[in-house]
Amino acid sequence: MSDLEHALEFLKENIDGIHKVKEWANAMGYSSSTYFSRSIRNRFGRRPVDFLNEYEYNRIIEVLRDNPDVIFFNIALECGYANDQAMYNFVKRYKGTSLKQLKQGLKTGS
């Protein structure tokens, strides 16, 4: 496994504590987040922020599925956000939907 493939695995395992590419690059031992970003993009054809957003969104979905009756604030804390508003802002920016709509979609299977 290459260093960059390891970086993706590391991100999957630590997504609750990594919310920025710079944090990810630093955790992987890169002194330059620009170099890290370029390396990821050259190797996988996608920007690191795309992986970060995808994994972060999938983590939220996973926690929502596992805890359908838990309030959003607790889900946000479990996913590494400061509060439910920060998680809401991410979901709204990334998918254009609200947390309530996302949760309802999971209940109905859409």
C-alpha atoms as a PDB file:
ATOM      1  CA  MET A   1       0.000   0.000   0.000  1.00  0.00           C
ATOM      2  CA  SER A   2       1.422   3.364  -1.014  1.00  0.00           C
ATOM      3  CA  ASP A   3       1.611   6.351   1.324  1.00  0.00           C
ATOM      4  CA  LEU A   4      -1.298   7.973  -0.478  1.00  0.00           C
ATOM      5  CA  GLU A   5      -3.482   4.861  -0.283  1.00  0.00           C
ATOM      6  CA  HIS A   6      -2.604   4.742   3.399  1.00  0.00           C
ATOM      7  CA  ALA A   7      -3.688   8.396   3.630  1.00  0.00           C
ATOM      8  CA  LEU A   8      -7.169   7.455   2.372  1.00  0.00           C
ATOM      9  CA  GLU A   9      -7.438   4.601   4.864  1.00  0.00           C
ATOM     10  CA  PHE A  10      -6.238   6.914   7.630  1.00  0.00           C
ATOM     11  CA  LEU A  11      -8.917   9.435   6.680  1.00  0.00           C
ATOM     12  CA  LYS A  12     -11.663   6.781   6.776  1.00  0.00           C
ATOM     13  CA  GLU A  13     -10.563   5.655  10.232  1.00  0.00           C
ATOM     14  CA  ASN A  14     -10.157   9.181  11.641  1.00  0.00           C
ATOM     15  CA  ILE A  15     -12.872  11.160   9.851  1.00  0.00           C
ATOM     16  CA  ASP A  16     -14.424  12.343  13.132  1.00  0.00           C
ATOM     17  CA  GLY A  17     -11.296  14.348  13.931  1.00  0.00           C
ATOM     18  CA  ILE A  18     -10.324  15.640  10.493  1.00  0.00           C
ATOM     19  CA  HIS A  19     -12.368  18.390   8.854  1.00  0.00           C
ATOM     20  CA  LYS A  20      -9.779  20.198   6.738  1.00  0.00           C
ATOM     21  CA  VAL A  21      -7.225  19.084   4.171  1.00  0.00           C
ATOM     22  CA  LYS A  22      -4.491  20.859   6.132  1.00  0.00           C
ATOM     23  CA  GLU A  23      -5.321  18.775   9.230  1.00  0.00           C
ATOM     24  CA  TRP A  24      -5.212  15.619   7.109  1.00  0.00           C
ATOM     25  CA  ALA A  25      -1.893  16.589   5.512  1.00  0.00           C
ATOM     26  CA  ASN A  26      -0.352  17.366   8.904  1.00  0.00           C
ATOM     27  CA  ALA A  27      -1.581  14.060  10.340  1.00  0.00           C
ATOM     28  CA  MET A  28       0.102  12.265   7.431  1.00  0.00           C
ATOM     29  CA  GLY A  29       3.387  14.077   8.097  1.00  0.00           C
ATOM     30  CA  TYR A  30       3.307  16.502   5.160  1.00  0.00           C
ATOM     31  CA  SER A  31       4.644  19.969   5.913  1.00  0.00           C
ATOM     32  CA  SER A  32       2.881  21.390   2.863  1.00  0.00           C
ATOM     33  CA  SER A  33      -0.834  20.857   2.387  1.00  0.00           C
ATOM     34  CA  THR A  34      -0.428  22.104  -1.190  1.00  0.00           C
ATOM     35  CA  TYR A  35       2.059  19.346  -1.989  1.00  0.00           C
ATOM     36  CA  PHE A  36      -0.184  16.793  -0.274  1.00  0.00           C
ATOM     37  CA  SER A  37      -3.192  17.999  -2.276  1.00  0.00           C
ATOM     38  CA  ARG A  38      -1.291  17.864  -5.537  1.00  0.00           C
ATOM     39  CA  SER A  39      -0.031  14.354  -4.750  1.00  0.00           C
ATOM     40  CA  ILE A  40      -3.542  13.091  -3.971  1.00  0.00           C
ATOM     41  CA  ARG A  41      -4.962  14.712  -7.100  1.00  0.00           C
ATOM     42  CA  ASN A  42      -2.215  13.291  -9.308  1.00  0.00           C
ATOM     43  CA  ARG A  43      -2.579   9.774  -7.871  1.00  0.00           C
ATOM     44  CA  PHE A  44      -6.376   9.478  -7.703  1.00  0.00           C
ATOM     45  CA  GLY A  45      -7.670  12.145 -10.095  1.00  0.00           C
ATOM     46  CA  ARG A  46      -9.741  13.767  -7.350  1.00  0.00           C
ATOM     47  CA  ARG A  47      -9.075  16.626  -4.989  1.00  0.00           C
ATOM     48  CA  PRO A  48      -8.489  15.672  -1.360  1.00  0.00           C
ATOM     49  CA  VAL A  49     -11.389  17.866  -0.282  1.00  0.00           C
ATOM     50  CA  ASP A  50     -13.652  15.648  -2.412  1.00  0.00           C
ATOM     51  CA  PHE A  51     -12.552  12.575  -0.439  1.00  0.00           C
ATOM     52  CA  LEU A  52     -12.873  14.491   2.819  1.00  0.00           C
ATOM     53  CA  ASN A  53     -16.424  15.644   2.049  1.00  0.00           C
ATOM     54  CA  GLU A  54     -17.503  12.210   0.830  1.00  0.00           C
ATOM     55  CA  TYR A  55     -16.150  10.391   3.893  1.00  0.00           C
ATOM     56  CA  GLU A  56     -17.529  13.032   6.255  1.00  0.00           C
ATOM     57  CA  TYR A  57     -21.000  12.805   4.685  1.00  0.00           C
ATOM     58  CA  ASN A  58     -20.916   8.989   4.762  1.00  0.00           C
ATOM     59  CA  ARG A  59     -19.998   9.106   8.453  1.00  0.00           C
ATOM     60  CA  ILE A  60     -23.010  11.319   9.196  1.00  0.00           C
ATOM     61  CA  ILE A  61     -25.260   8.911   7.276  1.00  0.00           C
ATOM     62  CA  GLU A  62     -23.823   5.949   9.179  1.00  0.00           C
ATOM     63  CA  VAL A  63     -24.426   7.579  12.565  1.00  0.00           C
ATOM     64  CA  LEU A  64     -27.943   8.681  11.573  1.00  0.00           C
ATOM     65  CA  ARG A  65     -28.795   5.118  10.500  1.00  0.00           C
ATOM     66  CA  ASP A  66     -27.388   3.616  13.685  1.00  0.00           C
ATOM     67  CA  ASN A  67     -29.082   6.182  15.941  1.00  0.00           C
ATOM     68  CA  PRO A  68     -32.360   7.251  14.290  1.00  0.00           C
ATOM     69  CA  ASP A  69     -33.903   8.582  17.499  1.00  0.00           C
ATOM     70  CA  VAL A  70     -30.921  10.562  18.793  1.00  0.00           C
ATOM     71  CA  ILE A  71     -31.018  14.361  18.549  1.00  0.00           C
ATOM     72  CA  PHE A  72     -28.844  16.063  15.933  1.00  0.00           C
ATOM     73  CA  PHE A  73     -26.657  17.726  18.566  1.00  0.00           C
ATOM     74  CA  ASN A  74     -25.480  14.342  19.867  1.00  0.00           C
ATOM     75  CA  ILE A  75     -24.897  13.067  16.336  1.00  0.00           C
ATOM     76  CA  ALA A  76     -22.865  16.191  15.582  1.00  0.00           C
ATOM     77  CA  LEU A  77     -20.679  15.626  18.639  1.00  0.00           C
ATOM     78  CA  GLU A  78     -20.164  11.976  17.695  1.00  0.00           C
ATOM     79  CA  CYS A  79     -19.083  13.034  14.190  1.00  0.00           C
ATOM     80  CA  GLY A  80     -16.594  15.567  15.523  1.00  0.00           C
ATOM     81  CA  TYR A  81     -18.567  18.792  15.043  1.00  0.00           C
ATOM     82  CA  ALA A  82     -18.792  21.525  17.654  1.00  0.00           C
ATOM     83  CA  ASN A  83     -22.590  21.547  17.427  1.00  0.00           C
ATOM     84  CA  ASP A  84     -25.525  20.602  15.236  1.00  0.00           C
ATOM     85  CA  GLN A  85     -25.407  23.920  13.365  1.00  0.00           C
ATOM     86  CA  ALA A  86     -21.887  23.165  12.115  1.00  0.00           C
ATOM     87  CA  MET A  87     -23.028  19.738  10.916  1.00  0.00           C
ATOM     88  CA  TYR A  88     -26.138  21.278   9.337  1.00  0.00           C
ATOM     89  CA  ASN A  89     -23.971  23.802   7.471  1.00  0.00           C
ATOM     90  CA  PHE A  90     -21.781  21.018   6.090  1.00  0.00           C
ATOM     91  CA  VAL A  91     -24.734  18.895   4.908  1.00  0.00           C
ATOM     92  CA  LYS A  92     -26.502  21.919   3.406  1.00  0.00           C
ATOM     93  CA  ARG A  93     -23.343  23.001   1.539  1.00  0.00           C
ATOM     94  CA  TYR A  94     -22.398  19.483   0.409  1.00  0.00           C
ATOM     95  CA  LYS A  95     -25.801  18.007  -0.521  1.00  0.00           C
ATOM     96  CA  GLY A  96     -28.152  21.002  -0.558  1.00  0.00           C
ATOM     97  CA  THR A  97     -30.516  19.448   1.954  1.00  0.00           C
ATOM     98  CA  SER A  98     -31.322  19.868   5.616  1.00  0.00           C
ATOM     99  CA  LEU A  99     -30.574  17.345   8.339  1.00  0.00           C
ATOM    100  CA  LYS A 100     -34.294  16.791   8.860  1.00  0.00           C
ATOM    101  CA  GLN A 101     -34.795  15.984   5.164  1.00  0.00           C
ATOM    102  CA  LEU A 102     -31.750  13.732   5.211  1.00  0.00           C
ATOM    103  CA  LYS A 103     -33.072  11.838   8.233  1.00  0.00           C
ATOM    104  CA  GLN A 104     -36.546  11.504   6.681  1.00  0.00           C
ATOM    105  CA  GLY A 105     -34.971  10.186   3.459  1.00  0.00           C
ATOM    106  CA  LEU A 106     -33.129   7.519   5.431  1.00  0.00           C
ATOM    107  CA  LYS A 107     -36.349   6.444   7.167  1.00  0.00           C
ATOM    108  CA  THR A 108     -38.212   6.109   3.871  1.00  0.00           C
ATOM    109  CA  GLY A 109     -35.281   4.513   2.090  1.00  0.00           C
ATOM    110  CA  SER A 110     -34.806   7.253  -0.530  1.00  0.00           C
END
